[in-house]
PDB file of N, CA and C in Angstrom:
ATOM      1  N   MET A   1       0.856  -1.169   0.000  1.00  0.00           N
ATOM      2  CA  MET A   1       0.000   0.000   0.000  1.00  0.00           C
ATOM      3  C   MET A   1       0.897   1.224   0.000  1.00  0.00           C
ATOM      4  N   LYS A   2       0.619   2.137  -0.852  1.00  0.00           N
ATOM      5  CA  LYS A   2       1.396   3.369  -0.960  1.00  0.00           C
ATOM      6  C   LYS A   2       0.804   4.419  -0.042  1.00  0.00           C
ATOM      7  N   HIS A   3       1.635   5.020   0.784  1.00  0.00           N
ATOM      8  CA  HIS A   3       1.172   6.073   1.681  1.00  0.00           C
ATOM      9  C   HIS A   3       1.175   7.396   0.938  1.00  0.00           C
ATOM     10  N   ILE A   4       0.090   8.120   0.980  1.00  0.00           N
ATOM     11  CA  ILE A   4      -0.020   9.428   0.361  1.00  0.00           C
ATOM     12  C   ILE A   4       0.022  10.461   1.476  1.00  0.00           C
ATOM     13  N   GLU A   5       0.950  11.372   1.370  1.00  0.00           N
ATOM     14  CA  GLU A   5       1.136  12.396   2.404  1.00  0.00           C
ATOM     15  C   GLU A   5      -0.182  13.108   2.693  1.00  0.00           C
ATOM     16  N   GLY A   6      -0.504  13.237   3.960  1.00  0.00           N
ATOM     17  CA  GLY A   6      -1.721  13.914   4.376  1.00  0.00           C
ATOM     18  C   GLY A   6      -2.937  13.007   4.420  1.00  0.00           C
ATOM     19  N   HIS A   7      -2.805  11.743   4.053  1.00  0.00           N
ATOM     20  CA  HIS A   7      -3.915  10.798   4.075  1.00  0.00           C
ATOM     21  C   HIS A   7      -3.603   9.684   5.065  1.00  0.00           C
ATOM     22  N   GLN A   8      -4.605   9.214   5.728  1.00  0.00           N
ATOM     23  CA  GLN A   8      -4.428   8.084   6.634  1.00  0.00           C
ATOM     24  C   GLN A   8      -4.559   6.790   5.846  1.00  0.00           C
ATOM     25  N   SER A   9      -3.817   5.792   6.258  1.00  0.00           N
ATOM     26  CA  SER A   9      -3.934   4.482   5.639  1.00  0.00           C
ATOM     27  C   SER A   9      -4.862   3.627   6.475  1.00  0.00           C
ATOM     28  N   PHE A  10      -5.723   2.879   5.818  1.00  0.00           N
ATOM     29  CA  PHE A  10      -6.650   2.005   6.507  1.00  0.00           C
ATOM     30  C   PHE A  10      -6.536   0.610   5.942  1.00  0.00           C
ATOM     31  N   ILE A  11      -6.605  -0.363   6.798  1.00  0.00           N
ATOM     32  CA  ILE A  11      -6.711  -1.745   6.374  1.00  0.00           C
ATOM     33  C   ILE A  11      -8.113  -2.189   6.735  1.00  0.00           C
ATOM     34  N   ILE A  12      -8.827  -2.602   5.733  1.00  0.00           N
ATOM     35  CA  ILE A  12     -10.209  -3.007   5.948  1.00  0.00           C
ATOM     36  C   ILE A  12     -10.278  -4.519   5.921  1.00  0.00           C
ATOM     37  N   THR A  13     -10.862  -5.080   6.941  1.00  0.00           N
ATOM     38  CA  THR A  13     -11.052  -6.528   6.987  1.00  0.00           C
ATOM     39  C   THR A  13     -12.538  -6.807   7.066  1.00  0.00           C
ATOM     40  N   LYS A  14     -12.891  -7.969   6.590  1.00  0.00           N
ATOM     41  CA  LYS A  14     -14.292  -8.367   6.678  1.00  0.00           C
ATOM     42  C   LYS A  14     -14.558  -8.929   8.057  1.00  0.00           C
ATOM     43  N   LYS A  15     -15.602  -8.465   8.665  1.00  0.00           N
ATOM     44  CA  LYS A  15     -16.041  -8.982   9.955  1.00  0.00           C
ATOM     45  C   LYS A  15     -17.461  -9.472   9.800  1.00  0.00           C
ATOM     46  N   LYS A  16     -17.727 -10.588  10.404  1.00  0.00           N
ATOM     47  CA  LYS A  16     -19.094 -11.074  10.406  1.00  0.00           C
ATOM     48  C   LYS A  16     -19.831 -10.388  11.555  1.00  0.00           C
ATOM     49  N   VAL A  17     -20.891  -9.727  11.225  1.00  0.00           N
ATOM     50  CA  VAL A  17     -21.698  -9.038  12.227  1.00  0.00           C
ATOM     51  C   VAL A  17     -22.908  -9.905  12.514  1.00  0.00           C
ATOM     52  N   MET A  18     -23.086 -10.216  13.780  1.00  0.00           N
ATOM     53  CA  MET A  18     -24.223 -11.032  14.169  1.00  0.00           C
ATOM     54  C   MET A  18     -25.299 -10.148  14.771  1.00  0.00           C
ATOM     55  N   ASN A  19     -26.471 -10.235  14.233  1.00  0.00           N
ATOM     56  CA  ASN A  19     -27.630  -9.555  14.796  1.00  0.00           C
ATOM     57  C   ASN A  19     -28.525 -10.620  15.405  1.00  0.00           C
ATOM     58  N   ILE A  20     -28.866 -10.439  16.638  1.00  0.00           N
ATOM     59  CA  ILE A  20     -29.738 -11.392  17.324  1.00  0.00           C
ATOM     60  C   ILE A  20     -30.926 -10.616  17.862  1.00  0.00           C
ATOM     61  N   MET A  21     -32.110 -11.165  17.656  1.00  0.00           N
ATOM     62  CA  MET A  21     -33.315 -10.511  18.156  1.00  0.00           C
ATOM     63  C   MET A  21     -34.178 -11.521  18.895  1.00  0.00           C
ATOM     64  N   LEU A  22     -34.958 -10.992  19.786  1.00  0.00           N
ATOM     65  CA  LEU A  22     -36.028 -11.773  20.399  1.00  0.00           C
ATOM     66  C   LEU A  22     -37.162 -10.833  20.720  1.00  0.00           C
ATOM     67  N   LYS A  23     -38.312 -11.401  20.880  1.00  0.00           N
ATOM     68  CA  LYS A  23     -39.500 -10.617  21.206  1.00  0.00           C
ATOM     69  C   LYS A  23     -39.982 -11.013  22.589  1.00  0.00           C
ATOM     70  N   LEU A  24     -40.068 -10.037  23.469  1.00  0.00           N
ATOM     71  CA  LEU A  24     -40.678 -10.241  24.780  1.00  0.00           C
ATOM     72  C   LEU A  24     -42.178 -10.076  24.606  1.00  0.00           C
ATOM     73  N   ILE A  25     -42.944 -11.028  25.114  1.00  0.00           N
ATOM     74  CA  ILE A  25     -44.406 -10.946  25.036  1.00  0.00           C
ATOM     75  C   ILE A  25     -44.994 -11.221  26.417  1.00  0.00           C
ATOM     76  N   ASN A  26     -46.225 -10.837  26.596  1.00  0.00           N
ATOM     77  CA  ASN A  26     -46.931 -11.059  27.873  1.00  0.00           C
ATOM     78  C   ASN A  26     -46.144 -10.485  29.055  1.00  0.00           C
ATOM     79  N   ILE A  27     -45.581  -9.310  28.867  1.00  0.00           N
ATOM     80  CA  ILE A  27     -44.784  -8.682  29.928  1.00  0.00           C
ATOM     81  C   ILE A  27     -45.713  -8.290  31.068  1.00  0.00           C
ATOM     82  N   ASN A  28     -45.306  -8.656  32.274  1.00  0.00           N
ATOM     83  CA  ASN A  28     -46.106  -8.368  33.461  1.00  0.00           C
ATOM     84  C   ASN A  28     -45.174  -7.899  34.577  1.00  0.00           C
ATOM     85  N   LYS A  29     -45.541  -6.793  35.234  1.00  0.00           N
ATOM     86  CA  LYS A  29     -44.751  -6.281  36.354  1.00  0.00           C
ATOM     87  C   LYS A  29     -45.640  -6.163  37.581  1.00  0.00           C
ATOM     88  N   THR A  30     -45.106  -6.618  38.709  1.00  0.00           N
ATOM     89  CA  THR A  30     -45.787  -6.458  39.991  1.00  0.00           C
ATOM     90  C   THR A  30     -44.911  -5.568  40.875  1.00  0.00           C
ATOM     91  N   ASN A  31     -45.213  -5.512  42.155  1.00  0.00           N
ATOM     92  CA  ASN A  31     -44.403  -4.719  43.085  1.00  0.00           C
ATOM     93  C   ASN A  31     -43.061  -5.369  43.397  1.00  0.00           C
ATOM     94  N   THR A  32     -42.896  -6.648  43.067  1.00  0.00           N
ATOM     95  CA  THR A  32     -41.647  -7.336  43.404  1.00  0.00           C
ATOM     96  C   THR A  32     -40.928  -7.973  42.216  1.00  0.00           C
ATOM     97  N   TYR A  33     -41.628  -8.191  41.119  1.00  0.00           N
ATOM     98  CA  TYR A  33     -40.961  -8.852  39.993  1.00  0.00           C
ATOM     99  C   TYR A  33     -41.508  -8.367  38.649  1.00  0.00           C
ATOM    100  N   ILE A  34     -40.748  -8.694  37.607  1.00  0.00           N
ATOM    101  CA  ILE A  34     -41.177  -8.477  36.235  1.00  0.00           C
ATOM    102  C   ILE A  34     -40.934  -9.794  35.499  1.00  0.00           C
ATOM    103  N   GLU A  35     -41.864 -10.166  34.634  1.00  0.00           N
ATOM    104  CA  GLU A  35     -41.772 -11.445  33.941  1.00  0.00           C
ATOM    105  C   GLU A  35     -42.265 -11.307  32.514  1.00  0.00           C
ATOM    106  N   ALA A  36     -41.868 -12.255  31.673  1.00  0.00           N
ATOM    107  CA  ALA A  36     -42.329 -12.265  30.285  1.00  0.00           C
ATOM    108  C   ALA A  36     -42.023 -13.612  29.653  1.00  0.00           C
ATOM    109  N   ASN A  37     -42.755 -13.899  28.603  1.00  0.00           N
ATOM    110  CA  ASN A  37     -42.383 -14.974  27.698  1.00  0.00           C
ATOM    111  C   ASN A  37     -41.514 -14.328  26.624  1.00  0.00           C
ATOM    112  N   TYR A  38     -40.688 -15.125  25.972  1.00  0.00           N
ATOM    113  CA  TYR A  38     -39.909 -14.581  24.868  1.00  0.00           C
ATOM    114  C   TYR A  38     -39.828 -15.586  23.731  1.00  0.00           C
ATOM    115  N   ILE A  39     -39.722 -15.042  22.526  1.00  0.00           N
ATOM    116  CA  ILE A  39     -39.625 -15.856  21.320  1.00  0.00           C
ATOM    117  C   ILE A  39     -38.356 -15.442  20.583  1.00  0.00           C
ATOM    118  N   PRO A  40     -37.391 -16.364  20.432  1.00  0.00           N
ATOM    119  CA  PRO A  40     -36.183 -16.042  19.664  1.00  0.00           C
ATOM    120  C   PRO A  40     -36.531 -15.777  18.196  1.00  0.00           C
ATOM    121  N   GLU A  41     -35.696 -14.983  17.562  1.00  0.00           N
ATOM    122  CA  GLU A  41     -35.856 -14.652  16.146  1.00  0.00           C
ATOM    123  C   GLU A  41     -35.942 -15.914  15.296  1.00  0.00           C
ATOM    124  N   ASP A  42     -36.806 -15.899  14.317  1.00  0.00           N
ATOM    125  CA  ASP A  42     -36.982 -17.003  13.370  1.00  0.00           C
ATOM    126  C   ASP A  42     -37.308 -18.323  14.064  1.00  0.00           C
ATOM    127  N   SER A  43     -38.076 -18.249  15.131  1.00  0.00           N
ATOM    128  CA  SER A  43     -38.419 -19.446  15.893  1.00  0.00           C
ATOM    129  C   SER A  43     -39.883 -19.369  16.310  1.00  0.00           C
ATOM    130  N   ASN A  44     -40.441 -20.524  16.591  1.00  0.00           N
ATOM    131  CA  ASN A  44     -41.771 -20.541  17.204  1.00  0.00           C
ATOM    132  C   ASN A  44     -41.691 -21.095  18.619  1.00  0.00           C
ATOM    133  N   GLN A  45     -40.460 -21.309  19.116  1.00  0.00           N
ATOM    134  CA  GLN A  45     -40.246 -21.770  20.483  1.00  0.00           C
ATOM    135  C   GLN A  45     -40.432 -20.606  21.453  1.00  0.00           C
ATOM    136  N   VAL A  46     -41.001 -20.895  22.603  1.00  0.00           N
ATOM    137  CA  VAL A  46     -41.274 -19.855  23.602  1.00  0.00           C
ATOM    138  C   VAL A  46     -40.518 -20.173  24.882  1.00  0.00           C
ATOM    139  N   GLY A  47     -39.835 -19.167  25.409  1.00  0.00           N
ATOM    140  CA  GLY A  47     -39.160 -19.280  26.693  1.00  0.00           C
ATOM    141  C   GLY A  47     -39.845 -18.394  27.716  1.00  0.00           C
ATOM    142  N   TYR A  48     -39.377 -18.473  28.955  1.00  0.00           N
ATOM    143  CA  TYR A  48     -39.960 -17.687  30.040  1.00  0.00           C
ATOM    144  C   TYR A  48     -38.826 -17.139  30.886  1.00  0.00           C
ATOM    145  N   ILE A  49     -38.969 -15.893  31.323  1.00  0.00           N
ATOM    146  CA  ILE A  49     -37.984 -15.258  32.195  1.00  0.00           C
ATOM    147  C   ILE A  49     -38.722 -14.441  33.259  1.00  0.00           C
ATOM    148  N   LYS A  50     -38.225 -14.526  34.477  1.00  0.00           N
ATOM    149  CA  LYS A  50     -38.797 -13.755  35.584  1.00  0.00           C
ATOM    150  C   LYS A  50     -37.640 -13.185  36.389  1.00  0.00           C
ATOM    151  N   PHE A  51     -37.740 -11.922  36.753  1.00  0.00           N
ATOM    152  CA  PHE A  51     -36.706 -11.262  37.543  1.00  0.00           C
ATOM    153  C   PHE A  51     -37.357 -10.629  38.756  1.00  0.00           C
ATOM    154  N   ASP A  52     -36.947 -11.117  39.935  1.00  0.00           N
ATOM    155  CA  ASP A  52     -37.411 -10.542  41.199  1.00  0.00           C
ATOM    156  C   ASP A  52     -36.437  -9.430  41.551  1.00  0.00           C
ATOM    157  N   PHE A  53     -36.854  -8.194  41.368  1.00  0.00           N
ATOM    158  CA  PHE A  53     -35.938  -7.074  41.578  1.00  0.00           C
ATOM    159  C   PHE A  53     -35.764  -6.708  43.049  1.00  0.00           C
ATOM    160  N   THR A  54     -36.469  -7.379  43.954  1.00  0.00           N
ATOM    161  CA  THR A  54     -36.242  -7.152  45.380  1.00  0.00           C
ATOM    162  C   THR A  54     -35.130  -8.062  45.903  1.00  0.00           C
ATOM    163  N   THR A  55     -34.940  -9.209  45.251  1.00  0.00           N
ATOM    164  CA  THR A  55     -33.903 -10.161  45.680  1.00  0.00           C
ATOM    165  C   THR A  55     -32.831 -10.389  44.613  1.00  0.00           C
ATOM    166  N   ASN A  56     -33.025  -9.851  43.421  1.00  0.00           N
ATOM    167  CA  ASN A  56     -32.145 -10.065  42.265  1.00  0.00           C
ATOM    168  C   ASN A  56     -32.114 -11.517  41.803  1.00  0.00           C
ATOM    169  N   GLU A  57     -33.158 -12.277  42.107  1.00  0.00           N
ATOM    170  CA  GLU A  57     -33.237 -13.668  41.655  1.00  0.00           C
ATOM    171  C   GLU A  57     -33.869 -13.741  40.280  1.00  0.00           C
ATOM    172  N   LYS A  58     -33.318 -14.631  39.462  1.00  0.00           N
ATOM    173  CA  LYS A  58     -33.809 -14.833  38.102  1.00  0.00           C
ATOM    174  C   LYS A  58     -34.349 -16.249  37.994  1.00  0.00           C
ATOM    175  N   THR A  59     -35.504 -16.395  37.360  1.00  0.00           N
ATOM    176  CA  THR A  59     -36.078 -17.696  37.043  1.00  0.00           C
ATOM    177  C   THR A  59     -36.192 -17.762  35.531  1.00  0.00           C
ATOM    178  N   SER A  60     -35.704 -18.853  34.961  1.00  0.00           N
ATOM    179  CA  SER A  60     -35.708 -18.950  33.509  1.00  0.00           C
ATOM    180  C   SER A  60     -36.085 -20.347  33.059  1.00  0.00           C
ATOM    181  N   MET A  61     -36.928 -20.419  32.065  1.00  0.00           N
ATOM    182  CA  MET A  61     -37.219 -21.666  31.360  1.00  0.00           C
ATOM    183  C   MET A  61     -36.926 -21.380  29.895  1.00  0.00           C
ATOM    184  N   PRO A  62     -35.701 -21.693  29.440  1.00  0.00           N
ATOM    185  CA  PRO A  62     -35.293 -21.317  28.087  1.00  0.00           C
ATOM    186  C   PRO A  62     -36.128 -21.991  27.000  1.00  0.00           C
ATOM    187  N   ALA A  63     -36.234 -21.301  25.884  1.00  0.00           N
ATOM    188  CA  ALA A  63     -36.871 -21.872  24.708  1.00  0.00           C
ATOM    189  C   ALA A  63     -35.992 -23.035  24.227  1.00  0.00           C
ATOM    190  N   GLU A  64     -36.622 -24.143  23.883  1.00  0.00           N
ATOM    191  CA  GLU A  64     -35.884 -25.331  23.464  1.00  0.00           C
ATOM    192  C   GLU A  64     -35.011 -25.014  22.249  1.00  0.00           C
ATOM    193  N   GLY A  65     -33.719 -25.337  22.379  1.00  0.00           N
ATOM    194  CA  GLY A  65     -32.761 -25.074  21.314  1.00  0.00           C
ATOM    195  C   GLY A  65     -32.139 -23.696  21.385  1.00  0.00           C
ATOM    196  N   PHE A  66     -32.558 -22.880  22.350  1.00  0.00           N
ATOM    197  CA  PHE A  66     -32.058 -21.511  22.476  1.00  0.00           C
ATOM    198  C   PHE A  66     -31.636 -21.228  23.924  1.00  0.00           C
ATOM    199  N   GLU A  67     -30.905 -22.154  24.506  1.00  0.00           N
ATOM    200  CA  GLU A  67     -30.576 -22.080  25.926  1.00  0.00           C
ATOM    201  C   GLU A  67     -29.422 -21.142  26.251  1.00  0.00           C
ATOM    202  N   ARG A  68     -28.610 -20.775  25.273  1.00  0.00           N
ATOM    203  CA  ARG A  68     -27.369 -20.062  25.592  1.00  0.00           C
ATOM    204  C   ARG A  68     -27.547 -18.557  25.735  1.00  0.00           C
ATOM    205  N   THR A  69     -27.776 -17.851  24.678  1.00  0.00           N
ATOM    206  CA  THR A  69     -27.764 -16.389  24.686  1.00  0.00           C
ATOM    207  C   THR A  69     -29.102 -15.767  25.047  1.00  0.00           C
ATOM    208  N   TYR A  70     -30.167 -16.395  24.640  1.00  0.00           N
ATOM    209  CA  TYR A  70     -31.476 -15.753  24.713  1.00  0.00           C
ATOM    210  C   TYR A  70     -32.003 -15.479  26.121  1.00  0.00           C
ATOM    211  N   PRO A  71     -31.797 -16.359  27.110  1.00  0.00           N
ATOM    212  CA  PRO A  71     -32.285 -16.004  28.453  1.00  0.00           C
ATOM    213  C   PRO A  71     -31.650 -14.717  28.996  1.00  0.00           C
ATOM    214  N   SER A  72     -30.352 -14.528  28.764  1.00  0.00           N
ATOM    215  CA  SER A  72     -29.715 -13.300  29.257  1.00  0.00           C
ATOM    216  C   SER A  72     -30.185 -12.079  28.465  1.00  0.00           C
ATOM    217  N   MET A  73     -30.450 -12.256  27.164  1.00  0.00           N
ATOM    218  CA  MET A  73     -31.009 -11.145  26.382  1.00  0.00           C
ATOM    219  C   MET A  73     -32.392 -10.768  26.902  1.00  0.00           C
ATOM    220  N   ALA A  74     -33.205 -11.774  27.195  1.00  0.00           N
ATOM    221  CA  ALA A  74     -34.550 -11.508  27.716  1.00  0.00           C
ATOM    222  C   ALA A  74     -34.467 -10.786  29.054  1.00  0.00           C
ATOM    223  N   LEU A  75     -33.558 -11.238  29.915  1.00  0.00           N
ATOM    224  CA  LEU A  75     -33.374 -10.588  31.215  1.00  0.00           C
ATOM    225  C   LEU A  75     -32.954  -9.132  31.033  1.00  0.00           C
ATOM    226  N   ASN A  76     -32.021  -8.878  30.115  1.00  0.00           N
ATOM    227  CA  ASN A  76     -31.595  -7.498  29.860  1.00  0.00           C
ATOM    228  C   ASN A  76     -32.751  -6.649  29.346  1.00  0.00           C
ATOM    229  N   GLY A  77     -33.620  -7.231  28.531  1.00  0.00           N
ATOM    230  CA  GLY A  77     -34.796  -6.502  28.058  1.00  0.00           C
ATOM    231  C   GLY A  77     -35.726  -6.117  29.193  1.00  0.00           C
ATOM    232  N   LEU A  78     -35.915  -7.041  30.138  1.00  0.00           N
ATOM    233  CA  LEU A  78     -36.757  -6.726  31.299  1.00  0.00           C
ATOM    234  C   LEU A  78     -36.111  -5.656  32.178  1.00  0.00           C
ATOM    235  N   LYS A  79     -34.800  -5.750  32.367  1.00  0.00           N
ATOM    236  CA  LYS A  79     -34.104  -4.740  33.180  1.00  0.00           C
ATOM    237  C   LYS A  79     -34.174  -3.363  32.527  1.00  0.00           C
ATOM    238  N   ARG A  80     -34.157  -3.328  31.209  1.00  0.00           N
ATOM    239  CA  ARG A  80     -34.267  -2.045  30.512  1.00  0.00           C
ATOM    240  C   ARG A  80     -35.642  -1.420  30.765  1.00  0.00           C
ATOM    241  N   ILE A  81     -36.665  -2.243  30.817  1.00  0.00           N
ATOM    242  CA  ILE A  81     -38.003  -1.737  31.131  1.00  0.00           C
ATOM    243  C   ILE A  81     -38.007  -1.141  32.537  1.00  0.00           C
ATOM    244  N   LEU A  82     -37.363  -1.822  33.491  1.00  0.00           N
ATOM    245  CA  LEU A  82     -37.275  -1.288  34.850  1.00  0.00           C
ATOM    246  C   LEU A  82     -36.528   0.043  34.870  1.00  0.00           C
ATOM    247  N   ASP A  83     -35.459   0.145  34.069  1.00  0.00           N
ATOM    248  CA  ASP A  83     -34.723   1.411  33.970  1.00  0.00           C
ATOM    249  C   ASP A  83     -35.615   2.522  33.401  1.00  0.00           C
ATOM    250  N   ASP A  84     -36.416   2.179  32.396  1.00  0.00           N
ATOM    251  CA  ASP A  84     -37.343   3.154  31.825  1.00  0.00           C
ATOM    252  C   ASP A  84     -38.330   3.645  32.882  1.00  0.00           C
ATOM    253  N   LEU A  85     -38.793   2.735  33.727  1.00  0.00           N
ATOM    254  CA  LEU A  85     -39.723   3.112  34.802  1.00  0.00           C
ATOM    255  C   LEU A  85     -39.060   4.014  35.837  1.00  0.00           C
ATOM    256  N   LYS A  86     -37.785   3.743  36.145  1.00  0.00           N
ATOM    257  CA  LYS A  86     -37.073   4.588  37.110  1.00  0.00           C
ATOM    258  C   LYS A  86     -36.900   6.006  36.580  1.00  0.00           C
ATOM    259  N   SER A  87     -36.590   6.118  35.286  1.00  0.00           N
ATOM    260  CA  SER A  87     -36.343   7.443  34.723  1.00  0.00           C
ATOM    261  C   SER A  87     -37.636   8.203  34.431  1.00  0.00           C
ATOM    262  N   ASP A  88     -38.747   7.486  34.248  1.00  0.00           N
ATOM    263  CA  ASP A  88     -40.031   8.125  33.972  1.00  0.00           C
ATOM    264  C   ASP A  88     -41.142   7.325  34.650  1.00  0.00           C
ATOM    265  N   PRO A  89     -41.530   7.713  35.863  1.00  0.00           N
ATOM    266  CA  PRO A  89     -42.546   6.967  36.600  1.00  0.00           C
ATOM    267  C   PRO A  89     -43.888   6.835  35.881  1.00  0.00           C
ATOM    268  N   SER A  90     -44.152   7.699  34.905  1.00  0.00           N
ATOM    269  CA  SER A  90     -45.408   7.592  34.167  1.00  0.00           C
ATOM    270  C   SER A  90     -45.304   6.601  32.992  1.00  0.00           C
ATOM    271  N   TYR A  91     -44.130   6.041  32.794  1.00  0.00           N
ATOM    272  CA  TYR A  91     -43.918   5.077  31.708  1.00  0.00           C
ATOM    273  C   TYR A  91     -44.841   3.870  31.882  1.00  0.00           C
ATOM    274  N   GLN A  92     -45.503   3.485  30.832  1.00  0.00           N
ATOM    275  CA  GLN A  92     -46.399   2.329  30.858  1.00  0.00           C
ATOM    276  C   GLN A  92     -45.637   1.077  30.424  1.00  0.00           C
ATOM    277  N   VAL A  93     -45.670   0.045  31.223  1.00  0.00           N
ATOM    278  CA  VAL A  93     -45.017  -1.209  30.869  1.00  0.00           C
ATOM    279  C   VAL A  93     -45.688  -1.762  29.611  1.00  0.00           C
ATOM    280  N   PRO A  94     -44.903  -2.007  28.563  1.00  0.00           N
ATOM    281  CA  PRO A  94     -45.512  -2.515  27.331  1.00  0.00           C
ATOM    282  C   PRO A  94     -45.910  -3.985  27.472  1.00  0.00           C
ATOM    283  N   ARG A  95     -46.826  -4.445  26.664  1.00  0.00           N
ATOM    284  CA  ARG A  95     -47.191  -5.868  26.652  1.00  0.00           C
ATOM    285  C   ARG A  95     -46.170  -6.663  25.844  1.00  0.00           C
ATOM    286  N   GLU A  96     -45.517  -5.981  24.876  1.00  0.00           N
ATOM    287  CA  GLU A  96     -44.506  -6.620  24.032  1.00  0.00           C
ATOM    288  C   GLU A  96     -43.351  -5.654  23.821  1.00  0.00           C
ATOM    289  N   ARG A  97     -42.162  -6.245  23.574  1.00  0.00           N
ATOM    290  CA  ARG A  97     -41.002  -5.411  23.290  1.00  0.00           C
ATOM    291  C   ARG A  97     -39.999  -6.229  22.495  1.00  0.00           C
ATOM    292  N   LEU A  98     -39.397  -5.604  21.493  1.00  0.00           N
ATOM    293  CA  LEU A  98     -38.374  -6.242  20.684  1.00  0.00           C
ATOM    294  C   LEU A  98     -37.019  -5.934  21.308  1.00  0.00           C
ATOM    295  N   VAL A  99     -36.187  -6.968  21.485  1.00  0.00           N
ATOM    296  CA  VAL A  99     -34.855  -6.822  22.061  1.00  0.00           C
ATOM    297  C   VAL A  99     -33.847  -7.221  20.984  1.00  0.00           C
ATOM    298  N   MET A 100     -32.892  -6.334  20.702  1.00  0.00           N
ATOM    299  CA  MET A 100     -31.888  -6.626  19.681  1.00  0.00           C
ATOM    300  C   MET A 100     -30.498  -6.523  20.282  1.00  0.00           C
ATOM    301  N   TRP A 101     -29.616  -7.374  19.781  1.00  0.00           N
ATOM    302  CA  TRP A 101     -28.207  -7.338  20.161  1.00  0.00           C
ATOM    303  C   TRP A 101     -27.403  -7.496  18.893  1.00  0.00           C
ATOM    304  N   TYR A 102     -26.400  -6.648  18.738  1.00  0.00           N
ATOM    305  CA  TYR A 102     -25.536  -6.747  17.564  1.00  0.00           C
ATOM    306  C   TYR A 102     -24.171  -6.247  17.890  1.00  0.00           C
TER     307      TYR A 102
END
C-alpha cells in the first residue's frame, strides 16, 4: 500500500456481524418482579424469564434449542423496562417489546 502524504492508511477486513433478536411478550410487572415470555428470532419456540428485583433472583425456562444467549437477552430486556420506569414513573409497561443485540 502506498502512503499518500496527508492521508491516513486504513486496512479493511471483513467482519461477520451477528444480529440477534427476540421478542418479549406477555410482559407483566408487579411490586416485586417483572416477567415475560420470549420468542427467539426465526423461531416458534417460547421461553420464560422472571426477575425478582427485590432479591435479584432470576427464574428462567429457556426456549428449546435456544438455551445459551437468549435467556440473558430476555433478562436485559426486562431490566431495561425497569430502567425506563425509574427514569419516567409515568412510563407504561408494554405488553410486548423487541430486544436486539448486535
